[in-house]
Amino acid sequence: MNKNVAGIWSREQMAQKIAEDIPDGSYVNLGIGLPELVANYIPADREVIFHTENGLLGVGPSPKPGEEDDELINAGKKPVTAIKGSCFFHHADSFAMIRGGHIDICVLGAFQISEKGDLANWSTGETDAIPAVGGAMDLVAGVKTVFIITQHFTKNGESKIVKECTYPLTGKRVVNRIYTDFAVIDVTDKGLYVIKMAPGIDFDFLKKNTEAELHLY
C-alpha cells in the first residue's frame, strides 16, 4: 500500500474534524495521545465538558509552562487545568459515570477497526507487550458514541481498517465513526460508508488502500 500520499489531512486537521462533529453541551472523554488534540479545536460557540477517568469533570486546557500542578493530571498523567464549575470525585465514581451511560462521546485511538465496528486498541498481541487496556473497555461499553482517530496505515503500510481484527479486541461492534488522515467513515449495520475524503484522495484510491469494503452514501 502507498504510504506516501499528497493532500491528506494532518493530525491537527483530523482532530478539528472530530471537534466540529461534537454537539454543543456534550460530555466527552478523550483517549491518550492523538485524541487529546480534539480539545484544542472545539468551536468557540460550543460548550463541551471533558471527563477524565481518574476523577475530573471539567478538564481545562493544558497549563502554561511552569504553572503545572503535580496533583492535577489527566488519566494519561499529563498536567491539566480545571474550568470554572469543574468537580473532582473518586476514581470509582468516574467509572460509574462511564458504565452508567452518562458520557456522550469518547474519542479513542486504534490499532485496528473492523468493517463491523470491532475495535482493537490496547494490545498488538506481542508476547513482550505491556498490558495497557486502561479504561478503554469500559468506555466502548458504556459511552453512547465512539469516535476513532487514527492514521489510515500502520507504520508498516498496512490498512488499519480491516475485514476482521487480528489483535486482541477492546470491544465488538462499538465504533460509530472513524477519522483517518484519508477520510471520515461511518460504521453502519450495512457496512462502512465514506462521509468525506481528504483533498488528495478519491474513492477508487481509498478503496484500493483499505482492506475492508467501503461504500459511498
N, C-alpha and C. Protein backbone atom coordinates (compact mmCIF):
# COMPACT_ATOMS: atom_id res chain seq x y z
N MET A 1 0.83 -1.19 0.00
CA MET A 1 0.00 0.00 0.00
C MET A 1 0.87 1.25 0.00
N ASN A 2 0.36 2.28 -0.60
CA ASN A 2 1.13 3.51 -0.77
C ASN A 2 1.02 4.41 0.45
N LYS A 3 2.14 4.58 1.16
CA LYS A 3 2.13 5.42 2.36
C LYS A 3 2.42 6.88 2.02
N ASN A 4 3.06 7.14 0.90
CA ASN A 4 3.47 8.50 0.55
C ASN A 4 2.40 9.15 -0.33
N VAL A 5 1.46 9.80 0.33
CA VAL A 5 0.33 10.37 -0.38
C VAL A 5 0.27 11.87 -0.11
N ALA A 6 0.13 12.67 -1.17
CA ALA A 6 -0.02 14.11 -1.01
C ALA A 6 -1.49 14.45 -0.79
N GLY A 7 -1.74 15.56 -0.11
CA GLY A 7 -3.12 16.04 0.04
C GLY A 7 -3.93 15.31 1.08
N ILE A 8 -3.26 14.73 2.09
CA ILE A 8 -4.01 14.09 3.17
C ILE A 8 -4.09 15.05 4.35
N TRP A 9 -4.99 14.74 5.31
CA TRP A 9 -5.16 15.60 6.46
C TRP A 9 -4.05 15.40 7.48
N SER A 10 -3.65 16.48 8.12
CA SER A 10 -2.68 16.42 9.21
C SER A 10 -3.38 15.91 10.48
N ARG A 11 -2.59 15.62 11.49
CA ARG A 11 -3.16 15.21 12.77
C ARG A 11 -4.10 16.28 13.32
N GLU A 12 -3.67 17.52 13.18
CA GLU A 12 -4.48 18.64 13.68
C GLU A 12 -5.80 18.77 12.91
N GLN A 13 -5.75 18.57 11.60
CA GLN A 13 -6.97 18.64 10.79
C GLN A 13 -7.93 17.51 11.12
N MET A 14 -7.39 16.32 11.39
CA MET A 14 -8.23 15.20 11.80
C MET A 14 -8.95 15.53 13.11
N ALA A 15 -8.19 16.08 14.06
CA ALA A 15 -8.77 16.45 15.35
C ALA A 15 -9.83 17.53 15.19
N GLN A 16 -9.57 18.48 14.29
CA GLN A 16 -10.53 19.56 14.07
C GLN A 16 -11.84 19.01 13.51
N LYS A 17 -11.77 18.02 12.63
CA LYS A 17 -12.98 17.46 12.05
C LYS A 17 -13.83 16.77 13.11
N ILE A 18 -13.17 16.10 14.05
CA ILE A 18 -13.92 15.50 15.16
C ILE A 18 -14.56 16.59 16.00
N ALA A 19 -13.78 17.61 16.35
CA ALA A 19 -14.29 18.69 17.20
C ALA A 19 -15.54 19.33 16.59
N GLU A 20 -15.54 19.48 15.28
CA GLU A 20 -16.69 20.09 14.59
C GLU A 20 -17.93 19.20 14.66
N ASP A 21 -17.73 17.90 14.88
CA ASP A 21 -18.86 16.96 14.92
C ASP A 21 -19.38 16.70 16.33
N ILE A 22 -18.78 17.33 17.33
CA ILE A 22 -19.24 17.15 18.71
C ILE A 22 -20.32 18.20 19.02
N PRO A 23 -21.52 17.77 19.34
CA PRO A 23 -22.61 18.73 19.58
C PRO A 23 -22.40 19.58 20.84
N ASP A 24 -22.99 20.75 20.83
CA ASP A 24 -22.96 21.63 21.98
C ASP A 24 -23.56 20.92 23.20
N GLY A 25 -22.92 21.10 24.36
CA GLY A 25 -23.43 20.52 25.60
C GLY A 25 -23.03 19.09 25.85
N SER A 26 -22.14 18.54 25.03
CA SER A 26 -21.73 17.14 25.17
C SER A 26 -20.74 16.95 26.32
N TYR A 27 -20.83 15.77 26.93
CA TYR A 27 -19.83 15.32 27.90
C TYR A 27 -18.93 14.33 27.16
N VAL A 28 -17.62 14.61 27.16
CA VAL A 28 -16.70 13.91 26.26
C VAL A 28 -15.48 13.40 27.01
N ASN A 29 -15.10 12.16 26.73
CA ASN A 29 -13.86 11.59 27.26
C ASN A 29 -12.88 11.42 26.10
N LEU A 30 -11.66 11.94 26.27
CA LEU A 30 -10.63 11.84 25.24
C LEU A 30 -9.58 10.83 25.65
N GLY A 31 -9.25 9.92 24.74
CA GLY A 31 -8.20 8.96 24.99
C GLY A 31 -6.83 9.63 25.01
N ILE A 32 -5.82 8.85 25.35
CA ILE A 32 -4.45 9.35 25.46
C ILE A 32 -3.81 9.45 24.08
N GLY A 33 -3.02 10.50 23.87
CA GLY A 33 -2.29 10.67 22.62
C GLY A 33 -3.05 11.51 21.62
N LEU A 34 -3.19 11.01 20.41
CA LEU A 34 -3.83 11.75 19.33
C LEU A 34 -5.23 12.29 19.69
N PRO A 35 -6.06 11.54 20.40
CA PRO A 35 -7.39 12.07 20.76
C PRO A 35 -7.33 13.37 21.57
N GLU A 36 -6.26 13.57 22.34
CA GLU A 36 -6.17 14.76 23.17
C GLU A 36 -6.16 16.06 22.36
N LEU A 37 -5.77 15.98 21.09
CA LEU A 37 -5.73 17.17 20.24
C LEU A 37 -7.12 17.76 20.00
N VAL A 38 -8.15 16.93 20.12
CA VAL A 38 -9.52 17.38 19.83
C VAL A 38 -9.91 18.56 20.70
N ALA A 39 -9.45 18.58 21.93
CA ALA A 39 -9.82 19.65 22.87
C ALA A 39 -9.38 21.03 22.37
N ASN A 40 -8.38 21.08 21.52
CA ASN A 40 -7.86 22.36 21.04
C ASN A 40 -8.73 23.00 19.96
N TYR A 41 -9.71 22.25 19.44
CA TYR A 41 -10.43 22.73 18.25
C TYR A 41 -11.95 22.81 18.44
N ILE A 42 -12.41 22.76 19.67
CA ILE A 42 -13.85 22.90 19.90
C ILE A 42 -14.27 24.32 19.50
N PRO A 43 -15.28 24.48 18.63
CA PRO A 43 -15.71 25.83 18.23
C PRO A 43 -16.05 26.71 19.43
N ALA A 44 -15.74 27.99 19.31
CA ALA A 44 -15.89 28.93 20.42
C ALA A 44 -17.33 29.07 20.89
N ASP A 45 -18.29 28.81 20.01
CA ASP A 45 -19.69 28.99 20.38
C ASP A 45 -20.31 27.72 20.98
N ARG A 46 -19.49 26.71 21.30
CA ARG A 46 -20.00 25.47 21.88
C ARG A 46 -19.39 25.24 23.27
N GLU A 47 -20.20 24.66 24.15
CA GLU A 47 -19.70 24.24 25.45
C GLU A 47 -19.59 22.73 25.45
N VAL A 48 -18.38 22.24 25.63
CA VAL A 48 -18.13 20.80 25.72
C VAL A 48 -17.41 20.53 27.04
N ILE A 49 -17.93 19.62 27.83
CA ILE A 49 -17.36 19.30 29.14
C ILE A 49 -16.54 18.02 29.01
N PHE A 50 -15.24 18.13 29.33
CA PHE A 50 -14.35 16.98 29.20
C PHE A 50 -14.23 16.23 30.52
N HIS A 51 -14.25 14.91 30.40
CA HIS A 51 -14.22 13.99 31.55
C HIS A 51 -12.95 13.16 31.47
N THR A 52 -12.36 12.89 32.62
CA THR A 52 -11.19 12.01 32.64
C THR A 52 -11.40 10.91 33.68
N GLU A 53 -10.95 9.69 33.36
CA GLU A 53 -11.24 8.52 34.20
C GLU A 53 -10.74 8.63 35.62
N ASN A 54 -9.69 9.41 35.84
CA ASN A 54 -9.14 9.47 37.20
C ASN A 54 -9.86 10.46 38.11
N GLY A 55 -11.01 11.01 37.66
CA GLY A 55 -11.86 11.72 38.59
C GLY A 55 -11.99 13.21 38.44
N LEU A 56 -12.12 13.71 37.21
CA LEU A 56 -12.33 15.14 36.99
C LEU A 56 -13.34 15.34 35.87
N LEU A 57 -14.35 16.13 36.13
CA LEU A 57 -15.32 16.54 35.12
C LEU A 57 -15.19 18.05 34.97
N GLY A 58 -14.76 18.47 33.78
CA GLY A 58 -14.48 19.88 33.54
C GLY A 58 -12.99 20.12 33.36
N VAL A 59 -12.38 19.27 32.54
CA VAL A 59 -10.95 19.41 32.25
C VAL A 59 -10.73 20.65 31.39
N GLY A 60 -9.78 21.49 31.80
CA GLY A 60 -9.46 22.68 31.04
C GLY A 60 -8.25 22.48 30.16
N PRO A 61 -7.76 23.56 29.53
CA PRO A 61 -6.59 23.45 28.66
C PRO A 61 -5.33 23.12 29.44
N SER A 62 -4.30 22.73 28.71
CA SER A 62 -3.02 22.43 29.35
C SER A 62 -2.47 23.69 30.03
N PRO A 63 -1.85 23.54 31.20
CA PRO A 63 -1.31 24.71 31.88
C PRO A 63 -0.09 25.27 31.15
N LYS A 64 0.18 26.54 31.38
CA LYS A 64 1.37 27.16 30.80
C LYS A 64 2.62 26.57 31.45
N PRO A 65 3.73 26.53 30.73
CA PRO A 65 4.98 26.01 31.32
C PRO A 65 5.30 26.72 32.63
N GLY A 66 5.59 25.93 33.65
CA GLY A 66 5.90 26.48 34.96
C GLY A 66 4.70 26.62 35.87
N GLU A 67 3.49 26.43 35.31
CA GLU A 67 2.28 26.57 36.12
C GLU A 67 1.60 25.21 36.35
N GLU A 68 2.31 24.12 36.09
CA GLU A 68 1.74 22.80 36.27
C GLU A 68 1.53 22.49 37.76
N ASP A 69 0.49 21.75 38.05
CA ASP A 69 0.21 21.28 39.40
C ASP A 69 0.32 19.77 39.38
N ASP A 70 1.27 19.22 40.13
CA ASP A 70 1.51 17.78 40.11
C ASP A 70 0.31 16.97 40.58
N GLU A 71 -0.62 17.60 41.27
CA GLU A 71 -1.80 16.90 41.76
C GLU A 71 -3.01 17.08 40.85
N LEU A 72 -2.80 17.75 39.72
CA LEU A 72 -3.89 17.96 38.77
C LEU A 72 -3.47 17.42 37.42
N ILE A 73 -3.79 16.15 37.18
CA ILE A 73 -3.38 15.46 35.95
C ILE A 73 -4.57 14.71 35.37
N ASN A 74 -4.43 14.34 34.09
CA ASN A 74 -5.46 13.51 33.47
C ASN A 74 -5.10 12.03 33.58
N ALA A 75 -5.89 11.17 32.96
CA ALA A 75 -5.66 9.73 33.06
C ALA A 75 -4.34 9.31 32.42
N GLY A 76 -3.81 10.15 31.53
CA GLY A 76 -2.52 9.86 30.91
C GLY A 76 -1.35 10.44 31.67
N LYS A 77 -1.64 10.94 32.88
CA LYS A 77 -0.62 11.53 33.77
C LYS A 77 -0.03 12.83 33.23
N LYS A 78 -0.78 13.49 32.34
CA LYS A 78 -0.34 14.79 31.82
C LYS A 78 -1.01 15.90 32.61
N PRO A 79 -0.28 17.01 32.87
CA PRO A 79 -0.87 18.11 33.65
C PRO A 79 -2.01 18.78 32.89
N VAL A 80 -3.06 19.11 33.62
CA VAL A 80 -4.22 19.78 33.05
C VAL A 80 -4.64 20.92 33.97
N THR A 81 -5.64 21.66 33.54
CA THR A 81 -6.27 22.65 34.38
C THR A 81 -7.73 22.26 34.56
N ALA A 82 -8.41 22.94 35.45
CA ALA A 82 -9.83 22.68 35.68
C ALA A 82 -10.61 23.95 35.40
N ILE A 83 -11.70 23.84 34.64
CA ILE A 83 -12.50 25.01 34.30
C ILE A 83 -13.38 25.40 35.50
N LYS A 84 -13.93 26.59 35.46
CA LYS A 84 -14.85 27.04 36.50
C LYS A 84 -16.07 26.12 36.54
N GLY A 85 -16.41 25.68 37.73
CA GLY A 85 -17.55 24.76 37.88
C GLY A 85 -17.17 23.29 37.78
N SER A 86 -15.91 22.99 37.58
CA SER A 86 -15.48 21.59 37.49
C SER A 86 -15.62 20.89 38.84
N CYS A 87 -15.60 19.58 38.82
CA CYS A 87 -15.71 18.83 40.08
C CYS A 87 -14.77 17.63 40.07
N PHE A 88 -14.37 17.26 41.27
CA PHE A 88 -13.46 16.14 41.47
C PHE A 88 -14.19 15.04 42.23
N PHE A 89 -13.83 13.79 41.95
CA PHE A 89 -14.53 12.68 42.60
C PHE A 89 -13.65 11.44 42.56
N HIS A 90 -14.11 10.43 43.26
CA HIS A 90 -13.37 9.17 43.37
C HIS A 90 -13.27 8.49 42.01
N HIS A 91 -12.18 7.77 41.83
CA HIS A 91 -11.95 7.01 40.60
C HIS A 91 -13.14 6.09 40.28
N ALA A 92 -13.69 5.46 41.32
CA ALA A 92 -14.82 4.55 41.11
C ALA A 92 -16.05 5.29 40.62
N ASP A 93 -16.26 6.52 41.13
CA ASP A 93 -17.40 7.31 40.67
C ASP A 93 -17.24 7.71 39.21
N SER A 94 -15.99 7.97 38.81
CA SER A 94 -15.71 8.31 37.42
C SER A 94 -16.12 7.17 36.49
N PHE A 95 -15.78 5.94 36.90
CA PHE A 95 -16.15 4.79 36.08
C PHE A 95 -17.65 4.49 36.16
N ALA A 96 -18.28 4.88 37.27
CA ALA A 96 -19.74 4.72 37.36
C ALA A 96 -20.42 5.64 36.34
N MET A 97 -19.85 6.82 36.11
CA MET A 97 -20.39 7.72 35.08
C MET A 97 -20.30 7.07 33.70
N ILE A 98 -19.16 6.44 33.44
CA ILE A 98 -18.94 5.77 32.14
C ILE A 98 -19.88 4.59 32.00
N ARG A 99 -19.88 3.72 33.01
CA ARG A 99 -20.68 2.48 32.92
C ARG A 99 -22.17 2.76 32.96
N GLY A 100 -22.54 3.90 33.55
CA GLY A 100 -23.94 4.25 33.64
C GLY A 100 -24.49 4.96 32.42
N GLY A 101 -23.65 5.17 31.40
CA GLY A 101 -24.10 5.79 30.16
C GLY A 101 -24.24 7.29 30.23
N HIS A 102 -23.50 7.93 31.14
CA HIS A 102 -23.62 9.38 31.32
C HIS A 102 -22.64 10.20 30.48
N ILE A 103 -21.71 9.54 29.79
CA ILE A 103 -20.77 10.22 28.90
C ILE A 103 -21.27 10.08 27.47
N ASP A 104 -21.37 11.20 26.78
CA ASP A 104 -21.97 11.19 25.44
C ASP A 104 -21.05 10.62 24.37
N ILE A 105 -19.78 11.04 24.39
CA ILE A 105 -18.84 10.70 23.31
C ILE A 105 -17.48 10.37 23.91
N CYS A 106 -16.82 9.37 23.38
CA CYS A 106 -15.40 9.19 23.68
C CYS A 106 -14.64 9.14 22.35
N VAL A 107 -13.42 9.66 22.38
CA VAL A 107 -12.55 9.67 21.21
C VAL A 107 -11.32 8.83 21.56
N LEU A 108 -11.09 7.78 20.80
CA LEU A 108 -10.00 6.84 21.08
C LEU A 108 -9.13 6.63 19.86
N GLY A 109 -7.90 6.19 20.10
CA GLY A 109 -7.03 5.75 19.03
C GLY A 109 -7.28 4.28 18.73
N ALA A 110 -6.57 3.73 17.74
CA ALA A 110 -6.82 2.34 17.37
C ALA A 110 -5.60 1.71 16.70
N PHE A 111 -5.48 0.41 16.92
CA PHE A 111 -4.55 -0.41 16.13
C PHE A 111 -5.28 -0.97 14.91
N GLN A 112 -6.53 -1.41 15.14
CA GLN A 112 -7.36 -1.95 14.06
C GLN A 112 -8.83 -1.64 14.33
N ILE A 113 -9.59 -1.43 13.25
CA ILE A 113 -11.05 -1.33 13.31
C ILE A 113 -11.60 -2.23 12.22
N SER A 114 -12.54 -3.08 12.56
CA SER A 114 -13.11 -3.97 11.54
C SER A 114 -14.29 -3.30 10.86
N GLU A 115 -14.70 -3.88 9.73
CA GLU A 115 -15.82 -3.32 8.97
C GLU A 115 -17.15 -3.45 9.73
N LYS A 116 -17.17 -4.25 10.80
CA LYS A 116 -18.36 -4.37 11.64
C LYS A 116 -18.32 -3.41 12.83
N GLY A 117 -17.22 -2.67 12.98
CA GLY A 117 -17.11 -1.75 14.10
C GLY A 117 -16.42 -2.34 15.31
N ASP A 118 -15.79 -3.51 15.16
CA ASP A 118 -14.98 -4.06 16.25
C ASP A 118 -13.73 -3.19 16.41
N LEU A 119 -13.27 -3.05 17.65
CA LEU A 119 -12.12 -2.20 17.93
C LEU A 119 -11.03 -2.98 18.64
N ALA A 120 -9.79 -2.82 18.17
CA ALA A 120 -8.61 -3.33 18.87
C ALA A 120 -7.68 -2.14 19.08
N ASN A 121 -7.54 -1.71 20.33
CA ASN A 121 -6.72 -0.51 20.56
C ASN A 121 -5.84 -0.57 21.79
N TRP A 122 -5.70 -1.76 22.39
CA TRP A 122 -4.93 -1.80 23.63
C TRP A 122 -3.71 -2.71 23.57
N SER A 123 -3.65 -3.61 22.59
CA SER A 123 -2.52 -4.53 22.50
C SER A 123 -2.40 -5.06 21.08
N THR A 124 -1.15 -5.24 20.64
CA THR A 124 -0.92 -5.87 19.35
C THR A 124 -0.76 -7.38 19.49
N GLY A 125 -0.85 -7.87 20.73
CA GLY A 125 -0.75 -9.30 20.97
C GLY A 125 0.66 -9.83 21.05
N GLU A 126 1.65 -8.93 20.93
CA GLU A 126 3.04 -9.38 21.03
C GLU A 126 3.33 -9.91 22.43
N THR A 127 4.15 -10.93 22.51
CA THR A 127 4.41 -11.58 23.81
C THR A 127 5.10 -10.66 24.81
N ASP A 128 5.87 -9.67 24.30
CA ASP A 128 6.59 -8.77 25.20
C ASP A 128 5.85 -7.45 25.41
N ALA A 129 4.61 -7.35 24.91
CA ALA A 129 3.84 -6.12 25.06
C ALA A 129 3.35 -5.97 26.50
N ILE A 130 3.36 -4.74 26.97
CA ILE A 130 2.88 -4.47 28.32
C ILE A 130 1.37 -4.28 28.28
N PRO A 131 0.60 -5.04 29.06
CA PRO A 131 -0.86 -4.86 29.07
C PRO A 131 -1.21 -3.43 29.49
N ALA A 132 -2.02 -2.76 28.71
CA ALA A 132 -2.32 -1.36 28.99
C ALA A 132 -3.72 -1.00 28.52
N VAL A 133 -4.69 -1.82 28.92
CA VAL A 133 -6.05 -1.57 28.42
C VAL A 133 -6.65 -0.32 29.04
N GLY A 134 -6.23 0.04 30.26
CA GLY A 134 -6.76 1.24 30.89
C GLY A 134 -8.28 1.19 30.99
N GLY A 135 -8.94 2.32 30.66
CA GLY A 135 -10.40 2.36 30.73
C GLY A 135 -11.08 2.11 29.41
N ALA A 136 -10.34 1.70 28.39
CA ALA A 136 -10.90 1.60 27.04
C ALA A 136 -12.08 0.64 26.96
N MET A 137 -11.99 -0.51 27.62
CA MET A 137 -13.10 -1.47 27.53
C MET A 137 -14.36 -0.92 28.19
N ASP A 138 -14.20 -0.22 29.30
CA ASP A 138 -15.35 0.41 29.94
C ASP A 138 -15.93 1.51 29.06
N LEU A 139 -15.06 2.29 28.44
CA LEU A 139 -15.52 3.40 27.60
C LEU A 139 -16.35 2.90 26.42
N VAL A 140 -15.85 1.91 25.69
CA VAL A 140 -16.59 1.47 24.50
C VAL A 140 -17.87 0.75 24.87
N ALA A 141 -17.94 0.22 26.10
CA ALA A 141 -19.15 -0.47 26.53
C ALA A 141 -20.20 0.49 27.09
N GLY A 142 -19.73 1.63 27.68
CA GLY A 142 -20.66 2.49 28.39
C GLY A 142 -20.97 3.82 27.75
N VAL A 143 -20.09 4.30 26.87
CA VAL A 143 -20.29 5.62 26.27
C VAL A 143 -21.24 5.51 25.07
N LYS A 144 -22.07 6.53 24.88
CA LYS A 144 -23.11 6.46 23.85
C LYS A 144 -22.56 6.43 22.43
N THR A 145 -21.50 7.21 22.15
CA THR A 145 -20.95 7.31 20.80
C THR A 145 -19.44 7.20 20.86
N VAL A 146 -18.87 6.36 20.00
CA VAL A 146 -17.42 6.13 19.99
C VAL A 146 -16.85 6.61 18.66
N PHE A 147 -15.98 7.62 18.73
CA PHE A 147 -15.24 8.11 17.57
C PHE A 147 -13.81 7.59 17.65
N ILE A 148 -13.26 7.19 16.51
CA ILE A 148 -11.87 6.74 16.44
C ILE A 148 -11.08 7.72 15.59
N ILE A 149 -9.90 8.11 16.09
CA ILE A 149 -8.98 8.95 15.32
C ILE A 149 -7.67 8.18 15.19
N THR A 150 -7.23 7.99 13.94
CA THR A 150 -6.04 7.18 13.71
C THR A 150 -5.48 7.44 12.33
N GLN A 151 -4.22 7.15 12.12
CA GLN A 151 -3.65 7.15 10.79
C GLN A 151 -4.28 6.01 9.99
N HIS A 152 -4.41 6.19 8.69
CA HIS A 152 -5.04 5.16 7.85
C HIS A 152 -4.17 3.90 7.76
N PHE A 153 -2.85 4.10 7.81
CA PHE A 153 -1.91 2.99 7.71
C PHE A 153 -1.16 2.76 9.02
N THR A 154 -0.71 1.53 9.22
CA THR A 154 0.26 1.25 10.27
C THR A 154 1.63 1.74 9.82
N LYS A 155 2.60 1.67 10.71
CA LYS A 155 3.97 2.05 10.35
C LYS A 155 4.54 1.17 9.25
N ASN A 156 3.96 -0.03 9.10
CA ASN A 156 4.41 -0.97 8.06
C ASN A 156 3.61 -0.83 6.76
N GLY A 157 2.74 0.20 6.71
CA GLY A 157 1.99 0.44 5.48
C GLY A 157 0.77 -0.43 5.31
N GLU A 158 0.29 -1.05 6.39
CA GLU A 158 -0.89 -1.89 6.30
C GLU A 158 -2.13 -1.10 6.71
N SER A 159 -3.26 -1.42 6.13
CA SER A 159 -4.51 -0.75 6.46
C SER A 159 -4.91 -1.06 7.90
N LYS A 160 -5.33 -0.02 8.62
CA LYS A 160 -5.84 -0.23 9.98
C LYS A 160 -7.33 -0.57 9.97
N ILE A 161 -7.99 -0.30 8.85
CA ILE A 161 -9.41 -0.63 8.71
C ILE A 161 -9.49 -1.95 7.97
N VAL A 162 -9.89 -3.00 8.69
CA VAL A 162 -9.74 -4.37 8.20
C VAL A 162 -11.08 -5.10 8.18
N LYS A 163 -11.08 -6.24 7.49
CA LYS A 163 -12.29 -7.07 7.48
C LYS A 163 -12.55 -7.66 8.86
N GLU A 164 -11.52 -8.21 9.46
CA GLU A 164 -11.61 -8.78 10.80
C GLU A 164 -10.37 -8.37 11.59
N CYS A 165 -10.54 -7.98 12.84
CA CYS A 165 -9.40 -7.62 13.68
C CYS A 165 -8.60 -8.89 14.03
N THR A 166 -7.28 -8.78 13.97
CA THR A 166 -6.42 -9.89 14.35
C THR A 166 -5.76 -9.64 15.70
N TYR A 167 -5.87 -8.42 16.22
CA TYR A 167 -5.33 -8.09 17.54
C TYR A 167 -6.41 -8.33 18.60
N PRO A 168 -6.00 -8.43 19.88
CA PRO A 168 -7.00 -8.60 20.95
C PRO A 168 -8.03 -7.48 20.95
N LEU A 169 -9.30 -7.83 21.06
CA LEU A 169 -10.37 -6.85 20.94
C LEU A 169 -10.56 -6.03 22.22
N THR A 170 -10.89 -4.77 22.01
CA THR A 170 -11.34 -3.90 23.09
C THR A 170 -12.85 -4.02 23.24
N GLY A 171 -13.55 -4.12 22.10
CA GLY A 171 -15.00 -4.28 22.11
C GLY A 171 -15.49 -4.69 20.73
N LYS A 172 -16.65 -5.35 20.69
CA LYS A 172 -17.24 -5.79 19.42
C LYS A 172 -18.38 -4.87 19.03
N ARG A 173 -18.38 -4.44 17.76
CA ARG A 173 -19.43 -3.58 17.19
C ARG A 173 -19.67 -2.33 18.05
N VAL A 174 -18.59 -1.65 18.39
CA VAL A 174 -18.70 -0.49 19.29
C VAL A 174 -18.39 0.84 18.61
N VAL A 175 -17.72 0.82 17.46
CA VAL A 175 -17.27 2.06 16.81
C VAL A 175 -18.40 2.66 15.97
N ASN A 176 -18.61 3.96 16.11
CA ASN A 176 -19.63 4.66 15.33
C ASN A 176 -19.06 5.39 14.12
N ARG A 177 -17.87 5.97 14.28
CA ARG A 177 -17.29 6.73 13.18
C ARG A 177 -15.77 6.70 13.28
N ILE A 178 -15.11 6.67 12.10
CA ILE A 178 -13.65 6.60 12.01
C ILE A 178 -13.13 7.84 11.30
N TYR A 179 -12.13 8.49 11.90
CA TYR A 179 -11.48 9.64 11.29
C TYR A 179 -10.02 9.28 11.05
N THR A 180 -9.61 9.24 9.77
CA THR A 180 -8.20 8.98 9.45
C THR A 180 -7.66 10.17 8.67
N ASP A 181 -6.38 10.10 8.32
CA ASP A 181 -5.78 11.16 7.51
C ASP A 181 -6.25 11.09 6.06
N PHE A 182 -6.99 10.03 5.70
CA PHE A 182 -7.54 9.87 4.35
C PHE A 182 -9.01 10.25 4.25
N ALA A 183 -9.80 9.91 5.29
CA ALA A 183 -11.25 10.03 5.15
C ALA A 183 -11.96 9.98 6.50
N VAL A 184 -13.24 10.37 6.46
CA VAL A 184 -14.15 10.18 7.59
C VAL A 184 -15.16 9.12 7.16
N ILE A 185 -15.33 8.09 7.99
CA ILE A 185 -16.10 6.91 7.60
C ILE A 185 -17.09 6.54 8.70
N ASP A 186 -18.35 6.39 8.33
CA ASP A 186 -19.38 5.93 9.26
C ASP A 186 -19.40 4.41 9.30
N VAL A 187 -19.59 3.86 10.50
CA VAL A 187 -19.79 2.43 10.66
C VAL A 187 -21.28 2.20 10.83
N THR A 188 -21.88 1.49 9.89
CA THR A 188 -23.32 1.24 9.92
C THR A 188 -23.61 -0.25 9.89
N ASP A 189 -24.88 -0.60 10.09
CA ASP A 189 -25.28 -2.00 10.03
C ASP A 189 -25.10 -2.58 8.63
N LYS A 190 -25.04 -1.70 7.63
CA LYS A 190 -24.88 -2.15 6.25
C LYS A 190 -23.44 -2.06 5.75
N GLY A 191 -22.52 -1.68 6.63
CA GLY A 191 -21.12 -1.60 6.24
C GLY A 191 -20.52 -0.23 6.50
N LEU A 192 -19.34 0.01 5.93
CA LEU A 192 -18.60 1.25 6.11
C LEU A 192 -18.93 2.22 4.99
N TYR A 193 -19.40 3.41 5.36
CA TYR A 193 -19.81 4.42 4.38
C TYR A 193 -18.95 5.67 4.53
N VAL A 194 -18.35 6.10 3.44
CA VAL A 194 -17.46 7.25 3.45
C VAL A 194 -18.27 8.55 3.43
N ILE A 195 -18.00 9.43 4.41
CA ILE A 195 -18.68 10.71 4.50
C ILE A 195 -17.94 11.78 3.70
N LYS A 196 -16.63 11.85 3.91
CA LYS A 196 -15.80 12.82 3.19
C LYS A 196 -14.39 12.29 3.07
N MET A 197 -13.65 12.83 2.10
CA MET A 197 -12.27 12.40 1.85
C MET A 197 -11.35 13.61 1.83
N ALA A 198 -10.09 13.38 2.18
CA ALA A 198 -9.08 14.44 2.14
C ALA A 198 -8.92 14.92 0.69
N PRO A 199 -8.43 16.14 0.49
CA PRO A 199 -8.34 16.72 -0.86
C PRO A 199 -7.58 15.87 -1.87
N GLY A 200 -6.55 15.15 -1.41
CA GLY A 200 -5.74 14.36 -2.33
C GLY A 200 -6.20 12.93 -2.52
N ILE A 201 -7.37 12.60 -1.99
CA ILE A 201 -7.86 11.22 -2.02
C ILE A 201 -9.15 11.13 -2.83
N ASP A 202 -9.23 10.15 -3.71
CA ASP A 202 -10.51 9.86 -4.36
C ASP A 202 -10.98 8.47 -3.93
N PHE A 203 -12.22 8.14 -4.27
CA PHE A 203 -12.81 6.92 -3.73
C PHE A 203 -12.12 5.66 -4.23
N ASP A 204 -11.71 5.65 -5.49
CA ASP A 204 -11.02 4.47 -6.02
C ASP A 204 -9.71 4.22 -5.28
N PHE A 205 -8.97 5.31 -5.01
CA PHE A 205 -7.71 5.17 -4.28
C PHE A 205 -7.98 4.69 -2.85
N LEU A 206 -9.02 5.25 -2.23
CA LEU A 206 -9.36 4.89 -0.85
C LEU A 206 -9.71 3.41 -0.76
N LYS A 207 -10.51 2.92 -1.70
CA LYS A 207 -10.88 1.50 -1.70
C LYS A 207 -9.66 0.61 -1.88
N LYS A 208 -8.77 1.01 -2.77
CA LYS A 208 -7.57 0.22 -3.05
C LYS A 208 -6.66 0.12 -1.84
N ASN A 209 -6.68 1.16 -1.00
CA ASN A 209 -5.77 1.22 0.14
C ASN A 209 -6.46 0.96 1.48
N THR A 210 -7.62 0.30 1.43
CA THR A 210 -8.34 -0.09 2.63
C THR A 210 -8.71 -1.55 2.52
N GLU A 211 -8.35 -2.35 3.52
CA GLU A 211 -8.64 -3.79 3.45
C GLU A 211 -10.14 -4.06 3.49
N ALA A 212 -10.87 -3.35 4.34
CA ALA A 212 -12.31 -3.56 4.46
C ALA A 212 -13.03 -2.96 3.25
N GLU A 213 -14.23 -3.46 3.01
CA GLU A 213 -15.03 -2.94 1.90
C GLU A 213 -15.64 -1.58 2.28
N LEU A 214 -15.60 -0.63 1.34
CA LEU A 214 -16.14 0.70 1.58
C LEU A 214 -17.27 1.01 0.61
N HIS A 215 -18.17 1.91 1.06
CA HIS A 215 -19.29 2.34 0.23
C HIS A 215 -19.40 3.85 0.30
N LEU A 216 -20.07 4.43 -0.68
CA LEU A 216 -20.38 5.86 -0.68
C LEU A 216 -21.86 6.04 -0.37
N TYR A 217 -22.17 7.08 0.40
CA TYR A 217 -23.58 7.41 0.63
C TYR A 217 -24.23 7.87 -0.66
